[in-house]
Amino acid sequence: MNHKATRTLVQGLIVSLMPIASAWAGPVNVNTADATTIAKELDGIGPAKAQAIVEYRQKNGPFKTPEDLLKVEGIGDKVLDQNKGNIRVDRGGAAPAAANAKPGKPAQKQGGGG
């Protein structure tokens, strides 16, 4: 195989594997993860941006929504859109359903027969 054919083959292989590489990114809780984990799991976020996320969180408290990441310098709409499906903001590992449950009287529906 000549050099040009090998180069073309390698380039094709790299391009074909790119979607797989981004599929490796996994959900990350930006309220609990360290900078190394954030940089590893979110696309377009390197060590410096990941550290900025951690520092912002420490200074301002936990993120309430993924969109809150836009308040961090260096995080823009493109990075947010790339990662929206992998950004978690749960606090303390609580299940989302439990976090949305409202304390109070249990619903009581009783039949009015008699």
PDB file of N, CA and C in Angstrom:
ATOM      1  N   MET A   1       0.859  -1.167   0.000  1.00  0.00           N
ATOM      2  CA  MET A   1       0.000   0.000   0.000  1.00  0.00           C
ATOM      3  C   MET A   1       0.907   1.232   0.000  1.00  0.00           C
ATOM      4  N   ASN A   2       0.593   2.193  -0.844  1.00  0.00           N
ATOM      5  CA  ASN A   2       1.442   3.380  -0.887  1.00  0.00           C
ATOM      6  C   ASN A   2       1.082   4.363   0.228  1.00  0.00           C
ATOM      7  N   HIS A   3       1.923   5.354   0.398  1.00  0.00           N
ATOM      8  CA  HIS A   3       1.774   6.315   1.504  1.00  0.00           C
ATOM      9  C   HIS A   3       0.437   7.049   1.447  1.00  0.00           C
ATOM     10  N   LYS A   4       0.029   7.458   0.264  1.00  0.00           N
ATOM     11  CA  LYS A   4      -1.217   8.210   0.118  1.00  0.00           C
ATOM     12  C   LYS A   4      -2.420   7.345   0.497  1.00  0.00           C
ATOM     13  N   ALA A   5      -2.425   6.104   0.085  1.00  0.00           N
ATOM     14  CA  ALA A   5      -3.532   5.199   0.413  1.00  0.00           C
ATOM     15  C   ALA A   5      -3.583   4.931   1.911  1.00  0.00           C
ATOM     16  N   THR A   6      -2.424   4.757   2.521  1.00  0.00           N
ATOM     17  CA  THR A   6      -2.372   4.531   3.974  1.00  0.00           C
ATOM     18  C   THR A   6      -2.896   5.753   4.718  1.00  0.00           C
ATOM     19  N   ARG A   7      -2.468   6.922   4.281  1.00  0.00           N
ATOM     20  CA  ARG A   7      -2.913   8.162   4.921  1.00  0.00           C
ATOM     21  C   ARG A   7      -4.423   8.313   4.808  1.00  0.00           C
ATOM     22  N   THR A   8      -4.969   8.047   3.647  1.00  0.00           N
ATOM     23  CA  THR A   8      -6.410   8.149   3.432  1.00  0.00           C
ATOM     24  C   THR A   8      -7.151   7.150   4.313  1.00  0.00           C
ATOM     25  N   LEU A   9      -6.632   5.966   4.429  1.00  0.00           N
ATOM     26  CA  LEU A   9      -7.250   4.943   5.262  1.00  0.00           C
ATOM     27  C   LEU A   9      -7.254   5.369   6.735  1.00  0.00           C
ATOM     28  N   VAL A  10      -6.132   5.879   7.208  1.00  0.00           N
ATOM     29  CA  VAL A  10      -6.026   6.318   8.601  1.00  0.00           C
ATOM     30  C   VAL A  10      -6.979   7.493   8.861  1.00  0.00           C
ATOM     31  N   GLN A  11      -7.035   8.438   7.948  1.00  0.00           N
ATOM     32  CA  GLN A  11      -7.940   9.580   8.113  1.00  0.00           C
ATOM     33  C   GLN A  11      -9.397   9.110   8.170  1.00  0.00           C
ATOM     34  N   GLY A  12      -9.743   8.181   7.305  1.00  0.00           N
ATOM     35  CA  GLY A  12     -11.109   7.650   7.314  1.00  0.00           C
ATOM     36  C   GLY A  12     -11.433   6.949   8.622  1.00  0.00           C
ATOM     37  N   LEU A  13     -10.465   6.224   9.154  1.00  0.00           N
ATOM     38  CA  LEU A  13     -10.655   5.534  10.422  1.00  0.00           C
ATOM     39  C   LEU A  13     -10.855   6.536  11.557  1.00  0.00           C
ATOM     40  N   ILE A  14     -10.052   7.577  11.583  1.00  0.00           N
ATOM     41  CA  ILE A  14     -10.177   8.601  12.625  1.00  0.00           C
ATOM     42  C   ILE A  14     -11.546   9.264  12.558  1.00  0.00           C
ATOM     43  N   VAL A  15     -11.973   9.648  11.375  1.00  0.00           N
ATOM     44  CA  VAL A  15     -13.273  10.299  11.214  1.00  0.00           C
ATOM     45  C   VAL A  15     -14.404   9.363  11.626  1.00  0.00           C
ATOM     46  N   SER A  16     -14.278   8.094  11.294  1.00  0.00           N
ATOM     47  CA  SER A  16     -15.353   7.153  11.636  1.00  0.00           C
ATOM     48  C   SER A  16     -15.436   6.894  13.136  1.00  0.00           C
ATOM     49  N   LEU A  17     -14.337   7.071  13.853  1.00  0.00           N
ATOM     50  CA  LEU A  17     -14.338   6.844  15.294  1.00  0.00           C
ATOM     51  C   LEU A  17     -14.719   8.080  16.099  1.00  0.00           C
ATOM     52  N   MET A  18     -14.772   9.243  15.492  1.00  0.00           N
ATOM     53  CA  MET A  18     -15.082  10.467  16.225  1.00  0.00           C
ATOM     54  C   MET A  18     -16.428  10.416  16.938  1.00  0.00           C
ATOM     55  N   PRO A  19     -17.499   9.948  16.316  1.00  0.00           N
ATOM     56  CA  PRO A  19     -18.763   9.883  17.057  1.00  0.00           C
ATOM     57  C   PRO A  19     -18.687   8.962  18.269  1.00  0.00           C
ATOM     58  N   ILE A  20     -17.889   7.912  18.190  1.00  0.00           N
ATOM     59  CA  ILE A  20     -17.731   7.001  19.311  1.00  0.00           C
ATOM     60  C   ILE A  20     -17.026   7.706  20.462  1.00  0.00           C
ATOM     61  N   ALA A  21     -16.031   8.503  20.163  1.00  0.00           N
ATOM     62  CA  ALA A  21     -15.295   9.212  21.204  1.00  0.00           C
ATOM     63  C   ALA A  21     -16.218  10.138  21.987  1.00  0.00           C
ATOM     64  N   SER A  22     -17.102  10.839  21.305  1.00  0.00           N
ATOM     65  CA  SER A  22     -18.004  11.724  22.028  1.00  0.00           C
ATOM     66  C   SER A  22     -19.069  10.929  22.778  1.00  0.00           C
ATOM     67  N   ALA A  23     -19.353   9.723  22.332  1.00  0.00           N
ATOM     68  CA  ALA A  23     -20.325   8.878  23.030  1.00  0.00           C
ATOM     69  C   ALA A  23     -19.763   8.381  24.361  1.00  0.00           C
ATOM     70  N   TRP A  24     -18.440   8.405  24.517  1.00  0.00           N
ATOM     71  CA  TRP A  24     -17.831   7.962  25.764  1.00  0.00           C
ATOM     72  C   TRP A  24     -18.066   8.939  26.900  1.00  0.00           C
ATOM     73  N   ALA A  25     -18.345  10.187  26.559  1.00  0.00           N
ATOM     74  CA  ALA A  25     -18.617  11.161  27.611  1.00  0.00           C
ATOM     75  C   ALA A  25     -19.845  10.691  28.377  1.00  0.00           C
ATOM     76  N   GLY A  26     -19.773  10.785  29.675  1.00  0.00           N
ATOM     77  CA  GLY A  26     -20.865  10.270  30.481  1.00  0.00           C
ATOM     78  C   GLY A  26     -21.466  11.339  31.358  1.00  0.00           C
ATOM     79  N   PRO A  27     -22.598  11.026  31.956  1.00  0.00           N
ATOM     80  CA  PRO A  27     -23.228  12.001  32.844  1.00  0.00           C
ATOM     81  C   PRO A  27     -22.306  12.377  33.994  1.00  0.00           C
ATOM     82  N   VAL A  28     -22.274  13.640  34.311  1.00  0.00           N
ATOM     83  CA  VAL A  28     -21.438  14.117  35.413  1.00  0.00           C
ATOM     84  C   VAL A  28     -22.221  15.153  36.208  1.00  0.00           C
ATOM     85  N   ASN A  29     -22.188  14.999  37.510  1.00  0.00           N
ATOM     86  CA  ASN A  29     -22.846  15.946  38.396  1.00  0.00           C
ATOM     87  C   ASN A  29     -21.875  17.085  38.649  1.00  0.00           C
ATOM     88  N   VAL A  30     -22.151  18.248  38.065  1.00  0.00           N
ATOM     89  CA  VAL A  30     -21.244  19.378  38.189  1.00  0.00           C
ATOM     90  C   VAL A  30     -21.271  20.000  39.583  1.00  0.00           C
ATOM     91  N   ASN A  31     -22.181  19.533  40.437  1.00  0.00           N
ATOM     92  CA  ASN A  31     -22.213  20.018  41.819  1.00  0.00           C
ATOM     93  C   ASN A  31     -21.356  19.181  42.760  1.00  0.00           C
ATOM     94  N   THR A  32     -20.938  18.009  42.318  1.00  0.00           N
ATOM     95  CA  THR A  32     -20.155  17.140  43.194  1.00  0.00           C
ATOM     96  C   THR A  32     -18.833  16.677  42.569  1.00  0.00           C
ATOM     97  N   ALA A  33     -18.721  16.712  41.251  1.00  0.00           N
ATOM     98  CA  ALA A  33     -17.523  16.192  40.578  1.00  0.00           C
ATOM     99  C   ALA A  33     -16.331  17.121  40.755  1.00  0.00           C
ATOM    100  N   ASP A  34     -15.137  16.516  40.758  1.00  0.00           N
ATOM    101  CA  ASP A  34     -13.927  17.323  40.789  1.00  0.00           C
ATOM    102  C   ASP A  34     -13.578  17.762  39.368  1.00  0.00           C
ATOM    103  N   ALA A  35     -12.616  18.668  39.261  1.00  0.00           N
ATOM    104  CA  ALA A  35     -12.260  19.237  37.960  1.00  0.00           C
ATOM    105  C   ALA A  35     -11.781  18.173  36.978  1.00  0.00           C
ATOM    106  N   THR A  36     -11.031  17.195  37.463  1.00  0.00           N
ATOM    107  CA  THR A  36     -10.527  16.135  36.585  1.00  0.00           C
ATOM    108  C   THR A  36     -11.677  15.363  35.951  1.00  0.00           C
ATOM    109  N   THR A  37     -12.683  15.030  36.752  1.00  0.00           N
ATOM    110  CA  THR A  37     -13.833  14.281  36.246  1.00  0.00           C
ATOM    111  C   THR A  37     -14.634  15.116  35.256  1.00  0.00           C
ATOM    112  N   ILE A  38     -14.852  16.375  35.574  1.00  0.00           N
ATOM    113  CA  ILE A  38     -15.607  17.253  34.668  1.00  0.00           C
ATOM    114  C   ILE A  38     -14.895  17.359  33.328  1.00  0.00           C
ATOM    115  N   ALA A  39     -13.588  17.573  33.350  1.00  0.00           N
ATOM    116  CA  ALA A  39     -12.819  17.693  32.110  1.00  0.00           C
ATOM    117  C   ALA A  39     -12.859  16.401  31.305  1.00  0.00           C
ATOM    118  N   LYS A  40     -12.836  15.281  31.992  1.00  0.00           N
ATOM    119  CA  LYS A  40     -12.830  13.980  31.320  1.00  0.00           C
ATOM    120  C   LYS A  40     -14.184  13.654  30.697  1.00  0.00           C
ATOM    121  N   GLU A  41     -15.258  14.017  31.366  1.00  0.00           N
ATOM    122  CA  GLU A  41     -16.589  13.580  30.944  1.00  0.00           C
ATOM    123  C   GLU A  41     -17.340  14.538  30.032  1.00  0.00           C
ATOM    124  N   LEU A  42     -16.985  15.814  30.035  1.00  0.00           N
ATOM    125  CA  LEU A  42     -17.728  16.774  29.227  1.00  0.00           C
ATOM    126  C   LEU A  42     -16.911  17.224  28.025  1.00  0.00           C
ATOM    127  N   ASP A  43     -17.537  17.224  26.855  1.00  0.00           N
ATOM    128  CA  ASP A  43     -16.879  17.614  25.617  1.00  0.00           C
ATOM    129  C   ASP A  43     -16.621  19.114  25.595  1.00  0.00           C
ATOM    130  N   GLY A  44     -15.452  19.507  25.112  1.00  0.00           N
ATOM    131  CA  GLY A  44     -15.123  20.911  24.958  1.00  0.00           C
ATOM    132  C   GLY A  44     -14.715  21.593  26.252  1.00  0.00           C
ATOM    133  N   ILE A  45     -14.575  20.809  27.323  1.00  0.00           N
ATOM    134  CA  ILE A  45     -14.159  21.368  28.607  1.00  0.00           C
ATOM    135  C   ILE A  45     -12.845  20.710  29.007  1.00  0.00           C
ATOM    136  N   GLY A  46     -11.808  21.526  29.025  1.00  0.00           N
ATOM    137  CA  GLY A  46     -10.497  21.046  29.427  1.00  0.00           C
ATOM    138  C   GLY A  46     -10.269  21.323  30.904  1.00  0.00           C
ATOM    139  N   PRO A  47      -9.054  21.067  31.367  1.00  0.00           N
ATOM    140  CA  PRO A  47      -8.749  21.247  32.792  1.00  0.00           C
ATOM    141  C   PRO A  47      -8.998  22.663  33.310  1.00  0.00           C
ATOM    142  N   ALA A  48      -8.684  23.689  32.523  1.00  0.00           N
ATOM    143  CA  ALA A  48      -8.853  25.073  32.992  1.00  0.00           C
ATOM    144  C   ALA A  48     -10.331  25.425  33.162  1.00  0.00           C
ATOM    145  N   LYS A  49     -11.157  25.076  32.183  1.00  0.00           N
ATOM    146  CA  LYS A  49     -12.592  25.360  32.292  1.00  0.00           C
ATOM    147  C   LYS A  49     -13.224  24.527  33.401  1.00  0.00           C
ATOM    148  N   ALA A  50     -12.784  23.293  33.533  1.00  0.00           N
ATOM    149  CA  ALA A  50     -13.312  22.435  34.596  1.00  0.00           C
ATOM    150  C   ALA A  50     -12.984  23.021  35.966  1.00  0.00           C
ATOM    151  N   GLN A  51     -11.772  23.527  36.125  1.00  0.00           N
ATOM    152  CA  GLN A  51     -11.379  24.152  37.386  1.00  0.00           C
ATOM    153  C   GLN A  51     -12.198  25.414  37.635  1.00  0.00           C
ATOM    154  N   ALA A  52     -12.504  26.160  36.573  1.00  0.00           N
ATOM    155  CA  ALA A  52     -13.340  27.360  36.707  1.00  0.00           C
ATOM    156  C   ALA A  52     -14.745  26.983  37.173  1.00  0.00           C
ATOM    157  N   ILE A  53     -15.263  25.857  36.697  1.00  0.00           N
ATOM    158  CA  ILE A  53     -16.578  25.372  37.136  1.00  0.00           C
ATOM    159  C   ILE A  53     -16.552  25.059  38.630  1.00  0.00           C
ATOM    160  N   VAL A  54     -15.528  24.344  39.069  1.00  0.00           N
ATOM    161  CA  VAL A  54     -15.415  23.979  40.481  1.00  0.00           C
ATOM    162  C   VAL A  54     -15.285  25.234  41.345  1.00  0.00           C
ATOM    163  N   GLU A  55     -14.457  26.179  40.924  1.00  0.00           N
ATOM    164  CA  GLU A  55     -14.261  27.407  41.699  1.00  0.00           C
ATOM    165  C   GLU A  55     -15.543  28.239  41.764  1.00  0.00           C
ATOM    166  N   TYR A  56     -16.267  28.310  40.654  1.00  0.00           N
ATOM    167  CA  TYR A  56     -17.536  29.045  40.646  1.00  0.00           C
ATOM    168  C   TYR A  56     -18.517  28.412  41.625  1.00  0.00           C
ATOM    169  N   ARG A  57     -18.582  27.083  41.597  1.00  0.00           N
ATOM    170  CA  ARG A  57     -19.478  26.345  42.492  1.00  0.00           C
ATOM    171  C   ARG A  57     -19.118  26.586  43.956  1.00  0.00           C
ATOM    172  N   GLN A  58     -17.831  26.576  44.264  1.00  0.00           N
ATOM    173  CA  GLN A  58     -17.393  26.790  45.644  1.00  0.00           C
ATOM    174  C   GLN A  58     -17.713  28.203  46.121  1.00  0.00           C
ATOM    175  N   LYS A  59     -17.621  29.169  45.230  1.00  0.00           N
ATOM    176  CA  LYS A  59     -17.853  30.564  45.585  1.00  0.00           C
ATOM    177  C   LYS A  59     -19.341  30.912  45.636  1.00  0.00           C
ATOM    178  N   ASN A  60     -20.132  30.346  44.705  1.00  0.00           N
ATOM    179  CA  ASN A  60     -21.527  30.765  44.525  1.00  0.00           C
ATOM    180  C   ASN A  60     -22.565  29.725  44.916  1.00  0.00           C
ATOM    181  N   GLY A  61     -22.125  28.546  45.304  1.00  0.00           N
ATOM    182  CA  GLY A  61     -23.070  27.491  45.655  1.00  0.00           C
ATOM    183  C   GLY A  61     -23.383  26.608  44.457  1.00  0.00           C
ATOM    184  N   PRO A  62     -24.203  25.586  44.687  1.00  0.00           N
ATOM    185  CA  PRO A  62     -24.465  24.599  43.634  1.00  0.00           C
ATOM    186  C   PRO A  62     -25.237  25.183  42.450  1.00  0.00           C
ATOM    187  N   PHE A  63     -25.014  24.568  41.309  1.00  0.00           N
ATOM    188  CA  PHE A  63     -25.754  24.923  40.105  1.00  0.00           C
ATOM    189  C   PHE A  63     -27.161  24.353  40.226  1.00  0.00           C
ATOM    190  N   LYS A  64     -28.160  25.127  39.830  1.00  0.00           N
ATOM    191  CA  LYS A  64     -29.548  24.661  39.895  1.00  0.00           C
ATOM    192  C   LYS A  64     -30.005  24.048  38.577  1.00  0.00           C
ATOM    193  N   THR A  65     -29.468  24.559  37.476  1.00  0.00           N
ATOM    194  CA  THR A  65     -29.806  24.040  36.152  1.00  0.00           C
ATOM    195  C   THR A  65     -28.525  23.948  35.329  1.00  0.00           C
ATOM    196  N   PRO A  66     -28.525  23.128  34.279  1.00  0.00           N
ATOM    197  CA  PRO A  66     -27.351  23.097  33.398  1.00  0.00           C
ATOM    198  C   PRO A  66     -27.030  24.477  32.816  1.00  0.00           C
ATOM    199  N   GLU A  67     -28.053  25.286  32.564  1.00  0.00           N
ATOM    200  CA  GLU A  67     -27.849  26.615  31.996  1.00  0.00           C
ATOM    201  C   GLU A  67     -27.045  27.524  32.926  1.00  0.00           C
ATOM    202  N   ASP A  68     -27.030  27.225  34.222  1.00  0.00           N
ATOM    203  CA  ASP A  68     -26.241  28.013  35.161  1.00  0.00           C
ATOM    204  C   ASP A  68     -24.746  27.974  34.829  1.00  0.00           C
ATOM    205  N   LEU A  69     -24.314  26.954  34.095  1.00  0.00           N
ATOM    206  CA  LEU A  69     -22.909  26.873  33.705  1.00  0.00           C
ATOM    207  C   LEU A  69     -22.508  28.044  32.807  1.00  0.00           C
ATOM    208  N   LEU A  70     -23.476  28.674  32.157  1.00  0.00           N
ATOM    209  CA  LEU A  70     -23.176  29.818  31.302  1.00  0.00           C
ATOM    210  C   LEU A  70     -22.634  31.001  32.106  1.00  0.00           C
ATOM    211  N   LYS A  71     -22.836  30.975  33.413  1.00  0.00           N
ATOM    212  CA  LYS A  71     -22.319  32.033  34.288  1.00  0.00           C
ATOM    213  C   LYS A  71     -20.814  31.890  34.520  1.00  0.00           C
ATOM    214  N   VAL A  72     -20.277  30.723  34.191  1.00  0.00           N
ATOM    215  CA  VAL A  72     -18.844  30.459  34.370  1.00  0.00           C
ATOM    216  C   VAL A  72     -18.099  31.008  33.155  1.00  0.00           C
ATOM    217  N   GLU A  73     -17.068  31.814  33.407  1.00  0.00           N
ATOM    218  CA  GLU A  73     -16.301  32.386  32.316  1.00  0.00           C
ATOM    219  C   GLU A  73     -15.686  31.284  31.459  1.00  0.00           C
ATOM    220  N   GLY A  74     -15.882  31.401  30.150  1.00  0.00           N
ATOM    221  CA  GLY A  74     -15.331  30.426  29.223  1.00  0.00           C
ATOM    222  C   GLY A  74     -16.312  29.346  28.808  1.00  0.00           C
ATOM    223  N   ILE A  75     -17.484  29.301  29.440  1.00  0.00           N
ATOM    224  CA  ILE A  75     -18.508  28.328  29.062  1.00  0.00           C
ATOM    225  C   ILE A  75     -19.576  29.067  28.259  1.00  0.00           C
ATOM    226  N   GLY A  76     -19.767  28.632  27.023  1.00  0.00           N
ATOM    227  CA  GLY A  76     -20.740  29.281  26.152  1.00  0.00           C
ATOM    228  C   GLY A  76     -21.841  28.333  25.721  1.00  0.00           C
ATOM    229  N   ASP A  77     -22.730  28.867  24.902  1.00  0.00           N
ATOM    230  CA  ASP A  77     -23.881  28.094  24.426  1.00  0.00           C
ATOM    231  C   ASP A  77     -23.471  26.813  23.700  1.00  0.00           C
ATOM    232  N   LYS A  78     -22.407  26.891  22.905  1.00  0.00           N
ATOM    233  CA  LYS A  78     -21.971  25.723  22.131  1.00  0.00           C
ATOM    234  C   LYS A  78     -21.576  24.571  23.054  1.00  0.00           C
ATOM    235  N   VAL A  79     -20.780  24.876  24.081  1.00  0.00           N
ATOM    236  CA  VAL A  79     -20.339  23.841  25.021  1.00  0.00           C
ATOM    237  C   VAL A  79     -21.543  23.299  25.792  1.00  0.00           C
ATOM    238  N   LEU A  80     -22.436  24.190  26.191  1.00  0.00           N
ATOM    239  CA  LEU A  80     -23.636  23.746  26.910  1.00  0.00           C
ATOM    240  C   LEU A  80     -24.465  22.816  26.039  1.00  0.00           C
ATOM    241  N   ASP A  81     -24.702  23.194  24.786  1.00  0.00           N
ATOM    242  CA  ASP A  81     -25.498  22.362  23.879  1.00  0.00           C
ATOM    243  C   ASP A  81     -24.853  20.998  23.632  1.00  0.00           C
ATOM    244  N   GLN A  82     -23.516  20.986  23.519  1.00  0.00           N
ATOM    245  CA  GLN A  82     -22.790  19.732  23.295  1.00  0.00           C
ATOM    246  C   GLN A  82     -22.988  18.756  24.449  1.00  0.00           C
ATOM    247  N   ASN A  83     -23.165  19.275  25.646  1.00  0.00           N
ATOM    248  CA  ASN A  83     -23.130  18.453  26.852  1.00  0.00           C
ATOM    249  C   ASN A  83     -24.437  18.368  27.614  1.00  0.00           C
ATOM    250  N   LYS A  84     -25.468  19.026  27.139  1.00  0.00           N
ATOM    251  CA  LYS A  84     -26.701  19.147  27.921  1.00  0.00           C
ATOM    252  C   LYS A  84     -27.210  17.803  28.438  1.00  0.00           C
ATOM    253  N   GLY A  85     -27.106  16.775  27.636  1.00  0.00           N
ATOM    254  CA  GLY A  85     -27.587  15.461  28.059  1.00  0.00           C
ATOM    255  C   GLY A  85     -26.742  14.796  29.130  1.00  0.00           C
ATOM    256  N   ASN A  86     -25.531  15.301  29.338  1.00  0.00           N
ATOM    257  CA  ASN A  86     -24.620  14.688  30.309  1.00  0.00           C
ATOM    258  C   ASN A  86     -24.396  15.523  31.555  1.00  0.00           C
ATOM    259  N   ILE A  87     -25.004  16.696  31.621  1.00  0.00           N
ATOM    260  CA  ILE A  87     -24.812  17.560  32.782  1.00  0.00           C
ATOM    261  C   ILE A  87     -25.890  17.257  33.808  1.00  0.00           C
ATOM    262  N   ARG A  88     -25.456  16.912  35.004  1.00  0.00           N
ATOM    263  CA  ARG A  88     -26.387  16.661  36.117  1.00  0.00           C
ATOM    264  C   ARG A  88     -26.152  17.726  37.179  1.00  0.00           C
ATOM    265  N   VAL A  89     -27.225  18.143  37.850  1.00  0.00           N
ATOM    266  CA  VAL A  89     -27.116  19.146  38.906  1.00  0.00           C
ATOM    267  C   VAL A  89     -27.788  18.670  40.185  1.00  0.00           C
ATOM    268  N   ASP A  90     -28.007  17.359  40.297  1.00  0.00           N
ATOM    269  CA  ASP A  90     -28.624  16.797  41.500  1.00  0.00           C
ATOM    270  C   ASP A  90     -27.762  17.125  42.704  1.00  0.00           C
ATOM    271  N   ARG A  91     -28.402  17.302  43.832  1.00  0.00           N
ATOM    272  CA  ARG A  91     -27.654  17.570  45.070  1.00  0.00           C
ATOM    273  C   ARG A  91     -27.632  16.320  45.921  1.00  0.00           C
ATOM    274  N   GLY A  92     -26.493  15.976  46.422  1.00  0.00           N
ATOM    275  CA  GLY A  92     -26.356  14.879  47.369  1.00  0.00           C
ATOM    276  C   GLY A  92     -26.857  13.541  46.881  1.00  0.00           C
ATOM    277  N   GLY A  93     -26.939  13.349  45.578  1.00  0.00           N
ATOM    278  CA  GLY A  93     -27.351  12.060  45.032  1.00  0.00           C
ATOM    279  C   GLY A  93     -28.828  11.768  45.199  1.00  0.00           C
ATOM    280  N   ALA A  94     -29.632  12.757  45.573  1.00  0.00           N
ATOM    281  CA  ALA A  94     -31.067  12.528  45.737  1.00  0.00           C
ATOM    282  C   ALA A  94     -31.701  12.271  44.379  1.00  0.00           C
ATOM    283  N   ALA A  95     -32.624  11.378  44.357  1.00  0.00           N
ATOM    284  CA  ALA A  95     -33.331  11.081  43.120  1.00  0.00           C
ATOM    285  C   ALA A  95     -34.180  12.291  42.746  1.00  0.00           C
ATOM    286  N   PRO A  96     -34.280  12.617  41.449  1.00  0.00           N
ATOM    287  CA  PRO A  96     -35.060  13.781  41.049  1.00  0.00           C
ATOM    288  C   PRO A  96     -36.502  13.727  41.538  1.00  0.00           C
ATOM    289  N   ALA A  97     -37.120  12.559  41.550  1.00  0.00           N
ATOM    290  CA  ALA A  97     -38.506  12.447  41.997  1.00  0.00           C
ATOM    291  C   ALA A  97     -38.621  12.833  43.474  1.00  0.00           C
ATOM    292  N   ALA A  98     -37.661  12.415  44.278  1.00  0.00           N
ATOM    293  CA  ALA A  98     -37.687  12.740  45.701  1.00  0.00           C
ATOM    294  C   ALA A  98     -37.453  14.236  45.912  1.00  0.00           C
ATOM    295  N   ALA A  99     -36.628  14.820  45.072  1.00  0.00           N
ATOM    296  CA  ALA A  99     -36.338  16.247  45.206  1.00  0.00           C
ATOM    297  C   ALA A  99     -37.562  17.089  44.875  1.00  0.00           C
ATOM    298  N   ASN A 100     -38.431  16.574  43.995  1.00  0.00           N
ATOM    299  CA  ASN A 100     -39.611  17.328  43.589  1.00  0.00           C
ATOM    300  C   ASN A 100     -40.816  17.064  44.467  1.00  0.00           C
ATOM    301  N   ALA A 101     -40.730  16.064  45.338  1.00  0.00           N
ATOM    302  CA  ALA A 101     -41.865  15.725  46.191  1.00  0.00           C
ATOM    303  C   ALA A 101     -42.104  16.848  47.188  1.00  0.00           C
ATOM    304  N   LYS A 102     -43.347  17.192  47.415  1.00  0.00           N
ATOM    305  CA  LYS A 102     -43.668  18.258  48.351  1.00  0.00           C
ATOM    306  C   LYS A 102     -44.195  17.651  49.635  1.00  0.00           C
ATOM    307  N   PRO A 103     -43.576  18.023  50.753  1.00  0.00           N
ATOM    308  CA  PRO A 103     -44.073  17.504  52.021  1.00  0.00           C
ATOM    309  C   PRO A 103     -45.425  18.131  52.339  1.00  0.00           C
ATOM    310  N   GLY A 104     -46.186  17.431  53.103  1.00  0.00           N
ATOM    311  CA  GLY A 104     -47.504  17.948  53.457  1.00  0.00           C
ATOM    312  C   GLY A 104     -48.456  16.805  53.654  1.00  0.00           C
ATOM    313  N   LYS A 105     -49.732  17.123  53.626  1.00  0.00           N
ATOM    314  CA  LYS A 105     -50.745  16.092  53.820  1.00  0.00           C
ATOM    315  C   LYS A 105     -50.756  15.140  52.636  1.00  0.00           C
ATOM    316  N   PRO A 106     -50.881  13.854  52.916  1.00  0.00           N
ATOM    317  CA  PRO A 106     -51.034  12.921  51.792  1.00  0.00           C
ATOM    318  C   PRO A 106     -52.414  13.120  51.174  1.00  0.00           C
ATOM    319  N   ALA A 107     -52.486  12.878  49.907  1.00  0.00           N
ATOM    320  CA  ALA A 107     -53.780  13.018  49.243  1.00  0.00           C
ATOM    321  C   ALA A 107     -54.738  11.980  49.765  1.00  0.00           C
ATOM    322  N   GLN A 108     -55.887  12.429  50.197  1.00  0.00           N
ATOM    323  CA  GLN A 108     -56.886  11.495  50.729  1.00  0.00           C
ATOM    324  C   GLN A 108     -58.165  11.654  49.937  1.00  0.00           C
ATOM    325  N   LYS A 109     -58.447  10.632  49.189  1.00  0.00           N
ATOM    326  CA  LYS A 109     -59.711  10.640  48.442  1.00  0.00           C
ATOM    327  C   LYS A 109     -60.517   9.462  48.938  1.00  0.00           C
ATOM    328  N   GLN A 110     -61.615   9.776  49.545  1.00  0.00           N
ATOM    329  CA  GLN A 110     -62.469   8.726  50.060  1.00  0.00           C
ATOM    330  C   GLN A 110     -63.829   8.834  49.391  1.00  0.00           C
ATOM    331  N   GLY A 111     -64.402   7.708  49.198  1.00  0.00           N
ATOM    332  CA  GLY A 111     -65.725   7.674  48.576  1.00  0.00           C
ATOM    333  C   GLY A 111     -66.753   8.300  49.508  1.00  0.00           C
ATOM    334  N   GLY A 112     -67.761   8.953  48.967  1.00  0.00           N
ATOM    335  CA  GLY A 112     -68.773   9.615  49.788  1.00  0.00           C
ATOM    336  C   GLY A 112     -69.996   8.737  49.994  1.00  0.00           C
ATOM    337  N   GLY A 113     -69.841   7.414  49.896  1.00  0.00           N
ATOM    338  CA  GLY A 113     -70.996   6.525  50.029  1.00  0.00           C
ATOM    339  C   GLY A 113     -71.351   6.285  51.480  1.00  0.00           C
ATOM    340  N   GLY A 114     -72.565   5.806  51.731  1.00  0.00           N
ATOM    341  CA  GLY A 114     -72.848   5.557  53.113  1.00  0.00           C
ATOM    342  C   GLY A 114     -74.097   4.910  53.297  1.00  0.00           C
TER     343      GLY A 114
END
